Amino acid sequence: MAAVKALNTKRYLWTVLLMGLLAPSAFAQVSHPAKLSQAALAGAAFSDPSTTVTGEAGEIVLDFTSLKSSDGKPASGMYNAGAQIFDITEPYGVDEFMFFLEGSVTLTSADGTVTTVNAGEAVTIPKE
């Protein structure tokens, strides 16, 4: 039985290597940098058809994803909304970096620490 396993393992490795040599484009996606132009940063990105538009009571929220990683975990994009209050009581599920193009945010941590971030500043919110 051990000889059969070794033979099958060699065939499998060979097949993977051969497929990689003969048809790399059929099995790999090409990734590209996700550049946002000055026009996109000024708001043009929100006219992209992939932009998610939500809102209630007349408040419109625009969410544009410029890049989503192949494993679906990290993503980048732009968010545009009016004044909102979020009370996050569950552990925050992701590390999040935000750079403010305009407006500001006031974040209050569970221990009462207040952090205000204004246009031209950035903040990283740690997971949980």
N, C-alpha and C. Protein backbone atom coordinates (compact mmCIF):
# COMPACT_ATOMS: atom_id res chain seq x y z
N MET A 1 0.82 -1.19 0.00
CA MET A 1 0.00 0.00 0.00
C MET A 1 0.87 1.25 0.00
N ALA A 2 2.01 1.25 0.65
CA ALA A 2 2.87 2.42 0.71
C ALA A 2 3.38 2.78 -0.68
N ALA A 3 3.69 1.78 -1.51
CA ALA A 3 4.19 2.05 -2.86
C ALA A 3 3.12 2.72 -3.71
N VAL A 4 1.88 2.35 -3.56
CA VAL A 4 0.78 2.94 -4.31
C VAL A 4 0.60 4.40 -3.89
N LYS A 5 0.66 4.68 -2.62
CA LYS A 5 0.54 6.05 -2.15
C LYS A 5 1.65 6.92 -2.74
N ALA A 6 2.87 6.43 -2.75
CA ALA A 6 3.98 7.20 -3.30
C ALA A 6 3.77 7.45 -4.78
N LEU A 7 3.33 6.44 -5.52
CA LEU A 7 3.08 6.59 -6.95
C LEU A 7 2.00 7.63 -7.20
N ASN A 8 0.90 7.55 -6.47
CA ASN A 8 -0.17 8.52 -6.63
C ASN A 8 0.29 9.93 -6.27
N THR A 9 1.11 10.04 -5.24
CA THR A 9 1.61 11.34 -4.84
C THR A 9 2.48 11.94 -5.94
N LYS A 10 3.34 11.15 -6.53
CA LYS A 10 4.19 11.67 -7.60
C LYS A 10 3.34 12.10 -8.79
N ARG A 11 2.35 11.36 -9.15
CA ARG A 11 1.49 11.69 -10.28
C ARG A 11 0.75 13.01 -9.99
N TYR A 12 0.29 13.15 -8.79
CA TYR A 12 -0.42 14.35 -8.41
C TYR A 12 0.49 15.56 -8.50
N LEU A 13 1.70 15.46 -7.96
CA LEU A 13 2.62 16.58 -8.02
C LEU A 13 2.99 16.92 -9.46
N TRP A 14 3.17 15.95 -10.25
CA TRP A 14 3.51 16.16 -11.65
C TRP A 14 2.36 16.86 -12.37
N THR A 15 1.16 16.43 -12.12
CA THR A 15 0.00 17.03 -12.76
C THR A 15 -0.12 18.50 -12.37
N VAL A 16 0.08 18.81 -11.13
CA VAL A 16 0.00 20.20 -10.68
C VAL A 16 1.08 21.02 -11.37
N LEU A 17 2.29 20.52 -11.41
CA LEU A 17 3.38 21.25 -12.05
C LEU A 17 3.13 21.40 -13.55
N LEU A 18 2.66 20.36 -14.18
CA LEU A 18 2.41 20.41 -15.61
C LEU A 18 1.29 21.40 -15.92
N MET A 19 0.22 21.39 -15.16
CA MET A 19 -0.86 22.34 -15.39
C MET A 19 -0.35 23.76 -15.20
N GLY A 20 0.50 23.97 -14.22
CA GLY A 20 1.06 25.29 -13.99
C GLY A 20 1.93 25.76 -15.13
N LEU A 21 2.63 24.85 -15.77
CA LEU A 21 3.49 25.22 -16.89
C LEU A 21 2.71 25.44 -18.17
N LEU A 22 1.65 24.69 -18.38
CA LEU A 22 0.94 24.75 -19.65
C LEU A 22 -0.14 25.82 -19.69
N ALA A 23 -0.80 26.07 -18.59
CA ALA A 23 -1.93 26.98 -18.64
C ALA A 23 -2.04 27.84 -17.39
N PRO A 24 -1.05 28.68 -17.11
CA PRO A 24 -1.13 29.46 -15.88
C PRO A 24 -2.31 30.42 -15.86
N SER A 25 -2.71 30.94 -17.00
CA SER A 25 -3.81 31.91 -17.02
C SER A 25 -5.15 31.28 -16.70
N ALA A 26 -5.27 29.99 -16.88
CA ALA A 26 -6.53 29.32 -16.60
C ALA A 26 -6.74 29.09 -15.10
N PHE A 27 -5.67 29.16 -14.32
CA PHE A 27 -5.78 28.83 -12.91
C PHE A 27 -5.43 29.99 -11.98
N ALA A 28 -4.88 31.06 -12.50
CA ALA A 28 -4.48 32.18 -11.65
C ALA A 28 -5.14 33.46 -12.14
N GLN A 29 -5.61 34.26 -11.22
CA GLN A 29 -6.14 35.56 -11.57
C GLN A 29 -5.03 36.58 -11.50
N VAL A 30 -5.03 37.50 -12.42
CA VAL A 30 -4.06 38.57 -12.39
C VAL A 30 -4.62 39.68 -11.51
N SER A 31 -3.80 40.16 -10.59
CA SER A 31 -4.26 41.26 -9.74
C SER A 31 -3.55 42.54 -10.15
N HIS A 32 -4.20 43.64 -9.93
CA HIS A 32 -3.67 44.94 -10.30
C HIS A 32 -3.80 45.89 -9.11
N PRO A 33 -2.93 46.90 -9.05
CA PRO A 33 -3.09 47.91 -8.00
C PRO A 33 -4.43 48.62 -8.15
N ALA A 34 -5.02 49.02 -7.05
CA ALA A 34 -6.31 49.72 -7.06
C ALA A 34 -6.05 51.20 -6.82
N LYS A 35 -5.75 51.92 -7.89
CA LYS A 35 -5.45 53.34 -7.79
C LYS A 35 -6.74 54.15 -7.82
N LEU A 36 -6.82 55.12 -6.93
CA LEU A 36 -7.95 56.05 -6.94
C LEU A 36 -7.41 57.42 -7.35
N SER A 37 -7.91 57.95 -8.44
CA SER A 37 -7.47 59.25 -8.94
C SER A 37 -7.96 60.37 -8.04
N GLN A 38 -7.46 61.58 -8.29
CA GLN A 38 -7.94 62.73 -7.52
C GLN A 38 -9.43 62.94 -7.74
N ALA A 39 -9.89 62.70 -8.98
CA ALA A 39 -11.33 62.84 -9.26
C ALA A 39 -12.13 61.81 -8.47
N ALA A 40 -11.63 60.58 -8.40
CA ALA A 40 -12.32 59.54 -7.63
C ALA A 40 -12.38 59.92 -6.16
N LEU A 41 -11.26 60.42 -5.63
CA LEU A 41 -11.21 60.82 -4.23
C LEU A 41 -12.11 62.02 -3.94
N ALA A 42 -12.33 62.84 -4.97
CA ALA A 42 -13.21 64.00 -4.81
C ALA A 42 -14.68 63.61 -4.87
N GLY A 43 -14.96 62.35 -5.14
CA GLY A 43 -16.35 61.89 -5.14
C GLY A 43 -16.79 61.15 -6.38
N ALA A 44 -16.01 61.22 -7.46
CA ALA A 44 -16.40 60.54 -8.70
C ALA A 44 -16.51 59.03 -8.53
N ALA A 45 -15.79 58.46 -7.57
CA ALA A 45 -15.85 57.00 -7.35
C ALA A 45 -17.26 56.55 -7.02
N PHE A 46 -18.05 57.43 -6.40
CA PHE A 46 -19.40 57.05 -6.00
C PHE A 46 -20.37 56.93 -7.18
N SER A 47 -19.95 57.35 -8.37
CA SER A 47 -20.80 57.17 -9.55
C SER A 47 -20.55 55.82 -10.21
N ASP A 48 -19.59 55.04 -9.69
CA ASP A 48 -19.32 53.70 -10.20
C ASP A 48 -20.55 52.82 -9.93
N PRO A 49 -20.94 51.99 -10.92
CA PRO A 49 -22.14 51.15 -10.73
C PRO A 49 -22.04 50.17 -9.56
N SER A 50 -20.83 49.87 -9.10
CA SER A 50 -20.69 48.92 -7.99
C SER A 50 -20.92 49.56 -6.63
N THR A 51 -21.10 50.88 -6.59
CA THR A 51 -21.32 51.58 -5.33
C THR A 51 -22.63 51.13 -4.70
N THR A 52 -22.57 50.81 -3.42
CA THR A 52 -23.76 50.43 -2.67
C THR A 52 -24.40 51.70 -2.11
N VAL A 53 -25.69 51.87 -2.37
CA VAL A 53 -26.43 53.03 -1.88
C VAL A 53 -27.48 52.53 -0.90
N THR A 54 -27.38 53.01 0.35
CA THR A 54 -28.36 52.64 1.37
C THR A 54 -28.77 53.90 2.12
N GLY A 55 -29.65 53.76 3.04
CA GLY A 55 -30.04 54.90 3.85
C GLY A 55 -31.48 54.80 4.29
N GLU A 56 -31.78 55.58 5.31
CA GLU A 56 -33.14 55.63 5.81
C GLU A 56 -33.43 57.04 6.30
N ALA A 57 -34.67 57.42 6.32
CA ALA A 57 -35.12 58.74 6.77
C ALA A 57 -34.42 59.86 6.00
N GLY A 58 -34.26 59.68 4.69
CA GLY A 58 -33.67 60.71 3.85
C GLY A 58 -32.16 60.79 3.88
N GLU A 59 -31.49 60.00 4.72
CA GLU A 59 -30.03 59.99 4.77
C GLU A 59 -29.49 58.97 3.78
N ILE A 60 -28.63 59.40 2.89
CA ILE A 60 -28.05 58.50 1.89
C ILE A 60 -26.63 58.14 2.30
N VAL A 61 -26.32 56.86 2.24
CA VAL A 61 -24.98 56.36 2.54
C VAL A 61 -24.44 55.71 1.27
N LEU A 62 -23.24 56.14 0.86
CA LEU A 62 -22.58 55.60 -0.31
C LEU A 62 -21.36 54.82 0.12
N ASP A 63 -21.20 53.61 -0.41
CA ASP A 63 -20.08 52.75 -0.04
C ASP A 63 -19.49 52.16 -1.31
N PHE A 64 -18.26 52.54 -1.63
CA PHE A 64 -17.57 52.09 -2.84
C PHE A 64 -16.37 51.24 -2.44
N THR A 65 -16.28 50.02 -2.94
CA THR A 65 -15.14 49.14 -2.69
C THR A 65 -14.21 49.20 -3.89
N SER A 66 -12.98 49.68 -3.66
CA SER A 66 -12.03 49.78 -4.76
C SER A 66 -11.17 48.53 -4.89
N LEU A 67 -11.03 47.78 -3.81
CA LEU A 67 -10.22 46.56 -3.85
C LEU A 67 -10.70 45.59 -2.79
N LYS A 68 -10.88 44.35 -3.19
CA LYS A 68 -11.17 43.28 -2.24
C LYS A 68 -10.14 42.20 -2.50
N SER A 69 -9.47 41.75 -1.45
CA SER A 69 -8.41 40.76 -1.63
C SER A 69 -8.97 39.43 -2.12
N SER A 70 -8.10 38.61 -2.68
CA SER A 70 -8.54 37.33 -3.24
C SER A 70 -9.09 36.41 -2.16
N ASP A 71 -8.66 36.57 -0.91
CA ASP A 71 -9.21 35.73 0.16
C ASP A 71 -10.43 36.37 0.81
N GLY A 72 -10.83 37.56 0.33
CA GLY A 72 -12.03 38.22 0.80
C GLY A 72 -11.89 38.93 2.14
N LYS A 73 -10.71 38.93 2.72
CA LYS A 73 -10.57 39.54 4.04
C LYS A 73 -10.28 41.03 3.96
N PRO A 74 -9.07 41.46 3.56
CA PRO A 74 -8.89 42.91 3.51
C PRO A 74 -9.58 43.52 2.31
N ALA A 75 -10.05 44.73 2.49
CA ALA A 75 -10.70 45.47 1.41
C ALA A 75 -10.39 46.94 1.61
N SER A 76 -10.52 47.71 0.54
CA SER A 76 -10.36 49.16 0.67
C SER A 76 -11.43 49.83 -0.17
N GLY A 77 -11.72 51.06 0.16
CA GLY A 77 -12.72 51.78 -0.59
C GLY A 77 -13.03 53.11 0.05
N MET A 78 -14.17 53.67 -0.30
CA MET A 78 -14.59 54.97 0.19
C MET A 78 -16.01 54.88 0.73
N TYR A 79 -16.29 55.72 1.70
CA TYR A 79 -17.59 55.73 2.38
C TYR A 79 -18.01 57.18 2.51
N ASN A 80 -19.27 57.48 2.23
CA ASN A 80 -19.76 58.85 2.31
C ASN A 80 -21.13 58.83 3.00
N ALA A 81 -21.23 59.54 4.11
CA ALA A 81 -22.50 59.57 4.85
C ALA A 81 -22.58 60.85 5.65
N GLY A 82 -23.78 61.22 6.00
CA GLY A 82 -23.99 62.36 6.89
C GLY A 82 -23.74 61.95 8.32
N ALA A 83 -24.14 62.79 9.23
CA ALA A 83 -23.95 62.53 10.66
C ALA A 83 -24.68 61.25 11.07
N GLN A 84 -23.99 60.39 11.78
CA GLN A 84 -24.56 59.13 12.25
C GLN A 84 -24.02 58.81 13.62
N ILE A 85 -24.76 58.02 14.37
CA ILE A 85 -24.29 57.51 15.65
C ILE A 85 -24.40 55.99 15.60
N PHE A 86 -23.30 55.32 15.89
CA PHE A 86 -23.26 53.87 15.95
C PHE A 86 -22.90 53.48 17.37
N ASP A 87 -23.67 52.61 17.96
CA ASP A 87 -23.35 52.06 19.28
C ASP A 87 -22.95 50.61 19.04
N ILE A 88 -21.65 50.36 19.02
CA ILE A 88 -21.15 49.02 18.73
C ILE A 88 -20.90 48.32 20.06
N THR A 89 -21.76 47.36 20.36
CA THR A 89 -21.67 46.66 21.64
C THR A 89 -20.98 45.30 21.49
N GLU A 90 -20.94 44.77 20.29
CA GLU A 90 -20.27 43.49 20.04
C GLU A 90 -18.80 43.79 19.72
N PRO A 91 -17.91 42.82 19.90
CA PRO A 91 -16.51 43.04 19.50
C PRO A 91 -16.43 43.42 18.02
N TYR A 92 -15.66 44.44 17.71
CA TYR A 92 -15.49 44.90 16.33
C TYR A 92 -14.74 43.81 15.57
N GLY A 93 -15.27 43.33 14.47
CA GLY A 93 -14.77 42.13 13.80
C GLY A 93 -13.53 42.28 12.94
N VAL A 94 -13.08 43.50 12.66
CA VAL A 94 -11.93 43.69 11.77
C VAL A 94 -11.07 44.85 12.25
N ASP A 95 -9.80 44.83 11.87
CA ASP A 95 -8.96 46.01 12.03
C ASP A 95 -9.35 46.95 10.90
N GLU A 96 -9.53 48.22 11.19
CA GLU A 96 -9.97 49.15 10.15
C GLU A 96 -9.13 50.41 10.18
N PHE A 97 -8.65 50.82 9.01
CA PHE A 97 -7.90 52.06 8.84
C PHE A 97 -8.80 53.03 8.09
N MET A 98 -8.89 54.26 8.60
CA MET A 98 -9.70 55.28 7.92
C MET A 98 -8.88 56.56 7.78
N PHE A 99 -8.91 57.13 6.59
CA PHE A 99 -8.31 58.44 6.33
C PHE A 99 -9.45 59.36 5.92
N PHE A 100 -9.59 60.47 6.61
CA PHE A 100 -10.73 61.36 6.37
C PHE A 100 -10.39 62.41 5.33
N LEU A 101 -11.12 62.38 4.21
CA LEU A 101 -10.97 63.37 3.16
C LEU A 101 -11.70 64.65 3.54
N GLU A 102 -12.83 64.50 4.20
CA GLU A 102 -13.60 65.65 4.70
C GLU A 102 -14.40 65.18 5.90
N GLY A 103 -14.92 66.12 6.66
CA GLY A 103 -15.72 65.77 7.83
C GLY A 103 -14.84 65.31 8.98
N SER A 104 -15.46 64.64 9.93
CA SER A 104 -14.74 64.17 11.10
C SER A 104 -15.53 63.04 11.76
N VAL A 105 -14.92 62.42 12.75
CA VAL A 105 -15.58 61.39 13.53
C VAL A 105 -15.10 61.52 14.98
N THR A 106 -15.98 61.25 15.89
CA THR A 106 -15.62 61.17 17.31
C THR A 106 -15.89 59.74 17.75
N LEU A 107 -14.83 59.09 18.23
CA LEU A 107 -14.92 57.70 18.67
C LEU A 107 -14.76 57.65 20.18
N THR A 108 -15.65 56.92 20.84
CA THR A 108 -15.57 56.77 22.29
C THR A 108 -15.35 55.29 22.59
N SER A 109 -14.22 54.98 23.21
CA SER A 109 -13.90 53.60 23.54
C SER A 109 -14.67 53.15 24.76
N ALA A 110 -14.67 51.85 25.00
CA ALA A 110 -15.42 51.27 26.12
C ALA A 110 -15.00 51.85 27.46
N ASP A 111 -13.73 52.29 27.58
CA ASP A 111 -13.26 52.86 28.85
C ASP A 111 -13.54 54.36 28.96
N GLY A 112 -14.24 54.94 27.96
CA GLY A 112 -14.59 56.35 27.99
C GLY A 112 -13.61 57.27 27.26
N THR A 113 -12.50 56.73 26.77
CA THR A 113 -11.53 57.54 26.03
C THR A 113 -12.16 58.05 24.74
N VAL A 114 -12.03 59.35 24.49
CA VAL A 114 -12.61 59.97 23.30
C VAL A 114 -11.50 60.32 22.32
N THR A 115 -11.66 59.91 21.06
CA THR A 115 -10.70 60.23 20.01
C THR A 115 -11.46 60.92 18.90
N THR A 116 -11.04 62.13 18.52
CA THR A 116 -11.66 62.85 17.42
C THR A 116 -10.68 62.87 16.25
N VAL A 117 -11.18 62.53 15.08
CA VAL A 117 -10.37 62.49 13.87
C VAL A 117 -11.01 63.44 12.86
N ASN A 118 -10.22 64.38 12.35
CA ASN A 118 -10.71 65.41 11.42
C ASN A 118 -10.18 65.17 10.01
N ALA A 119 -10.71 65.92 9.06
CA ALA A 119 -10.26 65.85 7.67
C ALA A 119 -8.75 66.01 7.62
N GLY A 120 -8.11 65.16 6.81
CA GLY A 120 -6.65 65.17 6.69
C GLY A 120 -5.94 64.33 7.72
N GLU A 121 -6.70 63.70 8.62
CA GLU A 121 -6.13 62.82 9.64
C GLU A 121 -6.60 61.38 9.40
N ALA A 122 -5.91 60.45 10.05
CA ALA A 122 -6.24 59.03 9.90
C ALA A 122 -6.36 58.39 11.28
N VAL A 123 -7.06 57.27 11.31
CA VAL A 123 -7.20 56.50 12.54
C VAL A 123 -7.25 55.03 12.17
N THR A 124 -6.73 54.20 13.05
CA THR A 124 -6.84 52.75 12.91
C THR A 124 -7.62 52.24 14.10
N ILE A 125 -8.69 51.51 13.80
CA ILE A 125 -9.52 50.92 14.86
C ILE A 125 -9.13 49.46 14.97
N PRO A 126 -8.66 49.04 16.15
CA PRO A 126 -8.24 47.66 16.29
C PRO A 126 -9.42 46.70 16.39
N LYS A 127 -9.20 45.52 15.86
CA LYS A 127 -10.20 44.46 15.93
C LYS A 127 -10.53 44.19 17.40
N GLU A 128 -11.80 44.06 17.70
CA GLU A 128 -12.32 43.76 19.03
C GLU A 128 -12.00 44.89 19.99
